[in-house]
Amino acid sequence: MATDTMLTINGTLGEGGGQILRSALALSLCLGRPFRISNIRATRSRPGLMPQHLVAVTAAAAVGDAEVRGATPGSRELEFVPRTIKPGEYRFDIGTAGSTTLVLQTILPALLTAAAPSHIRLQGGTHNPLAPSLDFFQHAFVPLINRMGPRIQTRQERPGFYPVGGGIVEVLIEPISSLQPLSLLERGEIVSRRAWAMVSRLPEHIARRELEVIEQQLGLPTSALELRQVEAKGPGNALTVLIESEHVTEVFAGIGERGVPAETVAQGVVAEVQRYLAAGVPVGEHLADQLLLPLALAGGGSFITLRPSRHTNTNMEVIKHFTGLQFACEELGEDRWRISC
């Protein structure tokens, strides 16, 4: 592999997780910039490439017709040299309950400005701890990307929960020649608030207890609460709260885990929603992280959000390594920050 123009990334940068690899792959595809990454997920209890990360690499290699070295289970080093973006029809199976949205996060940016439409079919997890849920992707992230020019449509054929996975997601992408900058400086009035709790192969009372917490602590009326019995390949539970405002829709999710009471899952979601509402910002913590790369690719933009997380700061650093672009972070008040590219 040619290495004279290869960018070197240290996987211990910032919070040191898999996001560094995914952002690097996405930027490499978009910019045609080869890179080498070492110390992949070195700070994690099980460092190196896990199945979910390997699928992200495989997907990026397919979309970018890339040369890859080091794409093996547990590998802590990887070289990636993209050739050209190849839009089209793709199917990827994570083979575990690994997050489908994190794989999408890797390949979507390059396909947003590709020469032709693409159709992606992914199998894996749709509602995972420590990853954006498909509901977040569909209702919060995709509408904002569509506002930047492309047209993305998503469909969940079947949900997938840990540890079985087996969820199926389809994504259609109508690209545009270049992304338009995005500005999100006001939330506007809240238009609606609603919540739903999903259960697959588990007692309904789990979902009911979660919704009772939402009703009592967030004051949502019964008409805004929905219990959904879904059919997945294995048992699972997810709670979602959607806050629709004039200028943005935010989504907050809690994923049920064995041994964790339904009330605890719901309390975690309540805390996130209350923090967001109290701050009066348009963009929540996790959406802020997701918007950085599209803004950089659009060449500019700004939004007001909560105090940037370590995850967000790490993503800024990776983007700076590839593009040279600086993000300005300005504190406006208690838990109110403006991030500009």
Protein backbone atom coordinates (compact mmCIF):
# COMPACT_ATOMS: atom_id res chain seq x y z
CA MET A 1 0.00 0.00 0.00
CA ALA A 2 1.18 3.52 -0.73
CA THR A 3 1.90 5.28 2.54
CA ASP A 4 3.40 8.62 1.46
CA THR A 5 0.13 10.53 1.98
CA MET A 6 -1.27 8.24 4.66
CA LEU A 7 -2.66 9.96 7.75
CA THR A 8 -1.78 8.37 11.08
CA ILE A 9 -4.38 8.22 13.85
CA ASN A 10 -3.79 7.04 17.42
CA GLY A 11 -6.82 5.13 18.69
CA THR A 12 -6.17 6.35 22.25
CA LEU A 13 -7.19 9.87 21.18
CA GLY A 14 -9.79 11.37 23.52
CA GLU A 15 -12.18 8.75 24.85
CA GLY A 16 -10.45 6.06 22.82
CA GLY A 17 -13.49 4.11 21.57
CA GLY A 18 -14.80 2.73 18.30
CA GLN A 19 -16.13 6.13 17.23
CA ILE A 20 -12.58 7.16 16.30
CA LEU A 21 -12.38 4.31 13.80
CA ARG A 22 -15.88 4.92 12.39
CA SER A 23 -15.31 8.66 11.93
CA ALA A 24 -11.91 8.01 10.37
CA LEU A 25 -13.43 5.54 7.89
CA ALA A 26 -16.24 7.96 7.01
CA LEU A 27 -13.86 10.88 6.48
CA SER A 28 -11.42 8.73 4.53
CA LEU A 29 -14.21 7.75 2.13
CA CYS A 30 -15.51 11.29 1.73
CA LEU A 31 -12.10 12.89 1.21
CA GLY A 32 -10.29 10.05 -0.55
CA ARG A 33 -7.67 10.18 2.22
CA PRO A 34 -5.89 6.95 3.23
CA PHE A 35 -5.12 6.43 6.90
CA ARG A 36 -3.49 4.13 9.38
CA ILE A 37 -4.92 3.73 12.88
CA SER A 38 -3.13 2.09 15.81
CA ASN A 39 -4.28 1.21 19.34
CA ILE A 40 -7.85 0.57 18.18
CA ARG A 41 -10.22 0.67 21.18
CA ALA A 42 -7.18 0.37 23.45
CA THR A 43 -9.05 1.80 26.45
CA ARG A 44 -11.84 -0.78 26.29
CA SER A 45 -12.03 -3.96 28.39
CA ARG A 46 -11.91 -5.96 25.14
CA PRO A 47 -9.67 -3.86 22.87
CA GLY A 48 -9.29 -4.23 19.11
CA LEU A 49 -11.83 -4.87 16.38
CA MET A 50 -15.09 -6.55 17.43
CA PRO A 51 -17.60 -8.00 14.89
CA GLN A 52 -19.52 -4.72 14.68
CA HIS A 53 -16.33 -2.77 13.87
CA LEU A 54 -15.24 -5.36 11.32
CA VAL A 55 -18.56 -4.99 9.48
CA ALA A 56 -18.09 -1.20 9.50
CA VAL A 57 -14.64 -1.70 7.92
CA THR A 58 -16.02 -4.22 5.40
CA ALA A 59 -18.89 -1.91 4.50
CA ALA A 60 -16.56 1.08 4.09
CA ALA A 61 -14.19 -0.99 1.95
CA ALA A 62 -17.06 -2.07 -0.32
CA VAL A 63 -18.45 1.45 -0.70
CA GLY A 64 -14.99 2.95 -1.26
CA ASP A 65 -13.46 0.09 -3.30
CA ALA A 66 -10.69 0.25 -0.72
CA GLU A 67 -7.51 -1.67 0.02
CA VAL A 68 -7.49 -2.77 3.64
CA ARG A 69 -4.88 -4.33 5.88
CA GLY A 70 -5.49 -5.50 9.44
CA ALA A 71 -9.23 -6.21 9.26
CA THR A 72 -9.22 -9.28 11.50
CA PRO A 73 -10.96 -10.00 14.84
CA GLY A 74 -9.13 -8.35 17.72
CA SER A 75 -6.77 -6.40 15.46
CA ARG A 76 -5.52 -3.17 17.00
CA GLU A 77 -4.07 -1.71 13.81
CA LEU A 78 -5.67 -1.01 10.44
CA GLU A 79 -4.63 0.54 7.13
CA PHE A 80 -7.35 1.80 4.81
CA VAL A 81 -6.83 3.18 1.29
CA PRO A 82 -10.05 4.18 -0.55
CA ARG A 83 -10.13 4.35 -4.34
CA THR A 84 -13.55 5.60 -5.46
CA ILE A 85 -17.07 5.80 -4.05
CA LYS A 86 -19.36 3.13 -5.51
CA PRO A 87 -23.05 3.85 -4.87
CA GLY A 88 -25.47 1.02 -5.39
CA GLU A 89 -27.17 -1.86 -3.59
CA TYR A 90 -25.49 -3.32 -0.50
CA ARG A 91 -26.32 -5.94 2.12
CA PHE A 92 -24.37 -6.26 5.35
CA ASP A 93 -24.98 -8.74 8.17
CA ILE A 94 -23.22 -7.94 11.46
CA GLY A 95 -23.85 -11.50 12.60
CA THR A 96 -24.39 -10.37 16.20
CA ALA A 97 -26.56 -7.78 17.95
CA GLY A 98 -23.98 -5.11 17.05
CA SER A 99 -25.49 -1.75 16.14
CA THR A 100 -26.78 -1.26 12.59
CA THR A 101 -26.90 2.51 13.10
CA LEU A 102 -23.16 2.65 13.89
CA VAL A 103 -22.39 0.83 10.63
CA LEU A 104 -24.67 3.27 8.81
CA GLN A 105 -22.86 6.15 10.52
CA THR A 106 -19.68 4.92 8.80
CA ILE A 107 -20.84 4.66 5.18
CA LEU A 108 -23.74 7.13 4.98
CA PRO A 109 -21.70 10.38 4.70
CA ALA A 110 -19.93 9.24 1.52
CA LEU A 111 -23.19 8.08 -0.10
CA LEU A 112 -24.92 11.42 0.59
CA THR A 113 -22.91 13.06 -2.22
CA ALA A 114 -22.27 10.01 -4.43
CA ALA A 115 -22.95 9.98 -8.17
CA ALA A 116 -26.08 7.80 -7.92
CA PRO A 117 -28.66 6.54 -5.37
CA SER A 118 -27.96 3.70 -2.96
CA HIS A 119 -30.00 1.04 -1.20
CA ILE A 120 -28.58 -0.41 2.03
CA ARG A 121 -29.96 -3.47 3.85
CA LEU A 122 -28.45 -4.16 7.26
CA GLN A 123 -28.97 -6.98 9.73
CA GLY A 124 -28.00 -6.73 13.41
CA GLY A 125 -29.08 -4.69 16.43
CA THR A 126 -31.49 -1.77 16.11
CA HIS A 127 -31.80 -0.85 19.80
CA ASN A 128 -28.48 -1.16 21.62
CA PRO A 129 -27.04 0.24 24.83
CA LEU A 130 -24.32 2.85 24.11
CA ALA A 131 -25.40 3.36 20.47
CA PRO A 132 -27.99 5.53 18.70
CA SER A 133 -31.28 3.65 18.45
CA LEU A 134 -32.95 3.28 15.09
CA ASP A 135 -35.75 5.52 16.40
CA PHE A 136 -33.18 8.25 17.05
CA PHE A 137 -31.71 7.75 13.58
CA GLN A 138 -35.13 7.90 11.89
CA HIS A 139 -36.80 10.72 13.82
CA ALA A 140 -33.95 13.00 14.96
CA PHE A 141 -30.93 12.56 12.69
CA VAL A 142 -32.34 11.77 9.23
CA PRO A 143 -34.73 14.78 9.04
CA LEU A 144 -31.80 17.14 9.68
CA ILE A 145 -29.63 15.48 7.04
CA ASN A 146 -32.55 15.72 4.60
CA ARG A 147 -32.64 19.43 5.41
CA MET A 148 -29.05 19.61 4.11
CA GLY A 149 -30.15 18.45 0.64
CA PRO A 150 -30.14 14.63 0.24
CA ARG A 151 -33.22 12.45 0.69
CA ILE A 152 -32.94 9.49 3.03
CA GLN A 153 -35.75 7.03 3.70
CA THR A 154 -35.50 4.36 6.39
CA ARG A 155 -37.61 1.32 7.18
CA GLN A 156 -37.34 -1.12 10.05
CA GLU A 157 -38.41 -4.55 8.84
CA ARG A 158 -37.70 -6.16 12.19
CA PRO A 159 -36.20 -4.87 15.45
CA GLY A 160 -33.07 -6.46 16.88
CA PHE A 161 -32.09 -6.57 20.56
CA TYR A 162 -29.03 -7.79 22.47
CA PRO A 163 -27.88 -10.56 22.58
CA VAL A 164 -29.68 -12.21 19.62
CA GLY A 165 -29.78 -9.31 17.14
CA GLY A 166 -31.42 -10.21 13.86
CA GLY A 167 -32.97 -6.79 13.28
CA ILE A 168 -33.37 -5.71 9.66
CA VAL A 169 -33.10 -2.11 8.44
CA GLU A 170 -33.42 -0.75 4.92
CA VAL A 171 -32.14 2.68 3.91
CA LEU A 172 -32.66 4.44 0.57
CA ILE A 173 -30.36 7.37 -0.23
CA GLU A 174 -30.97 9.96 -2.94
CA PRO A 175 -27.71 11.95 -3.00
CA ILE A 176 -26.94 15.57 -3.79
CA SER A 177 -23.78 17.09 -5.28
CA SER A 178 -22.83 18.89 -2.05
CA LEU A 179 -24.30 19.26 1.42
CA GLN A 180 -25.80 22.58 2.48
CA PRO A 181 -24.69 24.09 5.83
CA LEU A 182 -27.08 23.67 8.73
CA SER A 183 -27.91 26.17 11.47
CA LEU A 184 -29.84 25.13 14.58
CA LEU A 185 -29.77 28.02 17.01
CA GLU A 186 -33.35 27.89 18.34
CA ARG A 187 -35.57 25.03 19.44
CA GLY A 188 -38.83 26.96 19.13
CA GLU A 189 -42.04 25.96 20.86
CA ILE A 190 -42.60 22.31 21.69
CA VAL A 191 -45.19 20.91 19.29
CA SER A 192 -45.68 17.44 20.78
CA ARG A 193 -44.27 15.01 23.32
CA ARG A 194 -44.87 11.28 23.10
CA ALA A 195 -43.37 8.03 24.29
CA TRP A 196 -43.49 4.37 23.40
CA ALA A 197 -42.15 1.25 25.05
CA MET A 198 -41.41 -1.87 23.00
CA VAL A 199 -41.22 -5.43 24.27
CA SER A 200 -40.43 -8.60 22.38
CA ARG A 201 -40.96 -11.98 24.05
CA LEU A 202 -41.14 -10.33 27.46
CA PRO A 203 -44.06 -9.57 29.81
CA GLU A 204 -46.03 -6.44 28.92
CA HIS A 205 -45.81 -5.16 32.48
CA ILE A 206 -42.17 -4.16 31.80
CA ALA A 207 -43.31 -1.65 29.19
CA ARG A 208 -46.25 -0.52 31.32
CA ARG A 209 -43.99 0.24 34.28
CA GLU A 210 -41.66 2.26 32.08
CA LEU A 211 -44.54 4.27 30.65
CA GLU A 212 -45.94 4.90 34.14
CA VAL A 213 -42.65 6.56 35.12
CA ILE A 214 -42.76 8.71 31.99
CA GLU A 215 -46.38 9.68 32.68
CA GLN A 216 -45.72 10.59 36.30
CA GLN A 217 -42.38 12.37 35.95
CA LEU A 218 -42.68 14.03 32.55
CA GLY A 219 -46.40 14.70 32.73
CA LEU A 220 -47.27 13.08 29.40
CA PRO A 221 -50.98 12.31 28.98
CA THR A 222 -52.10 8.72 28.53
CA SER A 223 -52.97 9.50 24.91
CA ALA A 224 -49.27 10.23 24.23
CA LEU A 225 -48.10 6.86 25.59
CA GLU A 226 -47.96 3.68 23.53
CA LEU A 227 -47.10 0.09 24.40
CA ARG A 228 -45.78 -1.81 21.40
CA GLN A 229 -45.57 -5.60 21.28
CA VAL A 230 -43.01 -6.33 18.56
CA GLU A 231 -41.67 -9.56 17.11
CA ALA A 232 -37.90 -9.87 17.17
CA LYS A 233 -35.65 -12.93 17.00
CA GLY A 234 -35.08 -12.74 20.74
CA PRO A 235 -36.35 -11.00 23.87
CA GLY A 236 -35.83 -7.27 24.22
CA ASN A 237 -37.15 -3.97 25.49
CA ALA A 238 -36.66 -0.34 24.51
CA LEU A 239 -38.21 2.88 25.76
CA THR A 240 -38.32 5.98 23.56
CA VAL A 241 -39.36 9.58 24.28
CA LEU A 242 -39.79 11.94 21.34
CA ILE A 243 -39.84 15.73 21.79
CA GLU A 244 -40.98 17.51 18.63
CA SER A 245 -40.32 21.25 18.50
CA GLU A 246 -40.74 23.88 15.79
CA HIS A 247 -37.19 23.54 14.44
CA VAL A 248 -35.96 20.14 15.55
CA THR A 249 -37.10 16.75 16.85
CA GLU A 250 -35.11 15.09 19.63
CA VAL A 251 -35.27 11.44 20.66
CA PHE A 252 -34.20 9.90 23.98
CA ALA A 253 -33.93 6.14 24.44
CA GLY A 254 -33.40 3.61 27.19
CA ILE A 255 -32.62 -0.02 26.48
CA GLY A 256 -33.80 -2.75 28.83
CA GLU A 257 -31.08 -5.05 30.19
CA ARG A 258 -31.26 -8.26 32.20
CA GLY A 259 -31.28 -7.47 35.92
CA VAL A 260 -32.08 -3.77 35.46
CA PRO A 261 -35.59 -2.80 36.71
CA ALA A 262 -37.94 -1.16 34.22
CA GLU A 263 -38.19 1.85 36.54
CA THR A 264 -34.42 2.33 36.41
CA VAL A 265 -34.44 2.26 32.60
CA ALA A 266 -37.22 4.87 32.55
CA GLN A 267 -35.51 7.07 35.17
CA GLY A 268 -32.42 7.27 32.98
CA VAL A 269 -34.51 8.51 30.05
CA VAL A 270 -36.37 10.98 32.27
CA ALA A 271 -33.09 12.48 33.47
CA GLU A 272 -31.92 13.04 29.88
CA VAL A 273 -35.22 14.59 28.82
CA GLN A 274 -35.37 16.88 31.86
CA ARG A 275 -31.82 18.10 31.28
CA TYR A 276 -32.62 18.85 27.63
CA LEU A 277 -35.85 20.70 28.43
CA ALA A 278 -34.27 22.70 31.27
CA ALA A 279 -31.43 23.92 29.06
CA GLY A 280 -33.77 25.13 26.32
CA VAL A 281 -31.35 24.08 23.59
CA PRO A 282 -32.38 22.65 20.20
CA VAL A 283 -29.71 19.91 20.04
CA GLY A 284 -29.21 17.22 22.69
CA GLU A 285 -25.90 15.67 23.68
CA HIS A 286 -25.97 12.67 21.35
CA LEU A 287 -27.38 14.53 18.34
CA ALA A 288 -24.57 17.08 18.73
CA ASP A 289 -22.03 14.31 18.25
CA GLN A 290 -23.81 13.02 15.13
CA LEU A 291 -24.00 16.44 13.45
CA LEU A 292 -20.30 17.28 13.57
CA LEU A 293 -19.21 15.29 10.54
CA PRO A 294 -22.05 16.43 8.22
CA LEU A 295 -21.36 20.05 9.17
CA ALA A 296 -17.66 19.63 8.42
CA LEU A 297 -18.46 18.06 5.04
CA ALA A 298 -20.86 20.92 4.28
CA GLY A 299 -18.07 23.38 5.01
CA GLY A 300 -19.87 25.13 7.84
CA GLY A 301 -22.80 25.37 10.20
CA SER A 302 -23.60 25.86 13.85
CA PHE A 303 -25.92 24.66 16.59
CA ILE A 304 -26.65 25.28 20.24
CA THR A 305 -26.43 22.27 22.51
CA LEU A 306 -25.64 21.02 26.00
CA ARG A 307 -22.12 20.96 27.42
CA PRO A 308 -20.06 18.96 24.87
CA SER A 309 -19.33 15.41 25.98
CA ARG A 310 -15.92 13.78 25.82
CA HIS A 311 -17.27 11.77 22.89
CA THR A 312 -18.11 14.99 21.03
CA ASN A 313 -14.70 16.52 21.74
CA THR A 314 -12.99 13.37 20.48
CA ASN A 315 -14.99 13.47 17.26
CA MET A 316 -13.94 17.09 16.73
CA GLU A 317 -10.30 16.05 17.05
CA VAL A 318 -10.65 13.27 14.47
CA ILE A 319 -12.35 15.65 12.03
CA LYS A 320 -9.58 18.22 12.58
CA HIS A 321 -6.94 15.56 11.80
CA PHE A 322 -8.55 14.82 8.42
CA THR A 323 -9.75 18.26 7.35
CA GLY A 324 -7.86 20.88 9.32
CA LEU A 325 -11.23 22.38 10.20
CA GLN A 326 -11.61 23.87 13.68
CA PHE A 327 -14.81 23.76 15.69
CA ALA A 328 -15.45 26.75 17.93
CA CYS A 329 -17.14 25.93 21.24
CA GLU A 330 -18.59 28.90 23.09
CA GLU A 331 -20.26 28.66 26.50
CA LEU A 332 -23.47 30.72 26.47
CA GLY A 333 -24.79 29.86 29.92
CA GLU A 334 -25.41 27.00 32.27
CA ASP A 335 -25.39 23.88 30.08
CA ARG A 336 -25.79 25.94 26.89
CA TRP A 337 -23.02 25.91 24.30
CA ARG A 338 -22.74 27.04 20.69
CA ILE A 339 -20.65 24.79 18.43
CA SER A 340 -19.66 26.28 15.07
CA CYS A 341 -17.70 24.91 12.15
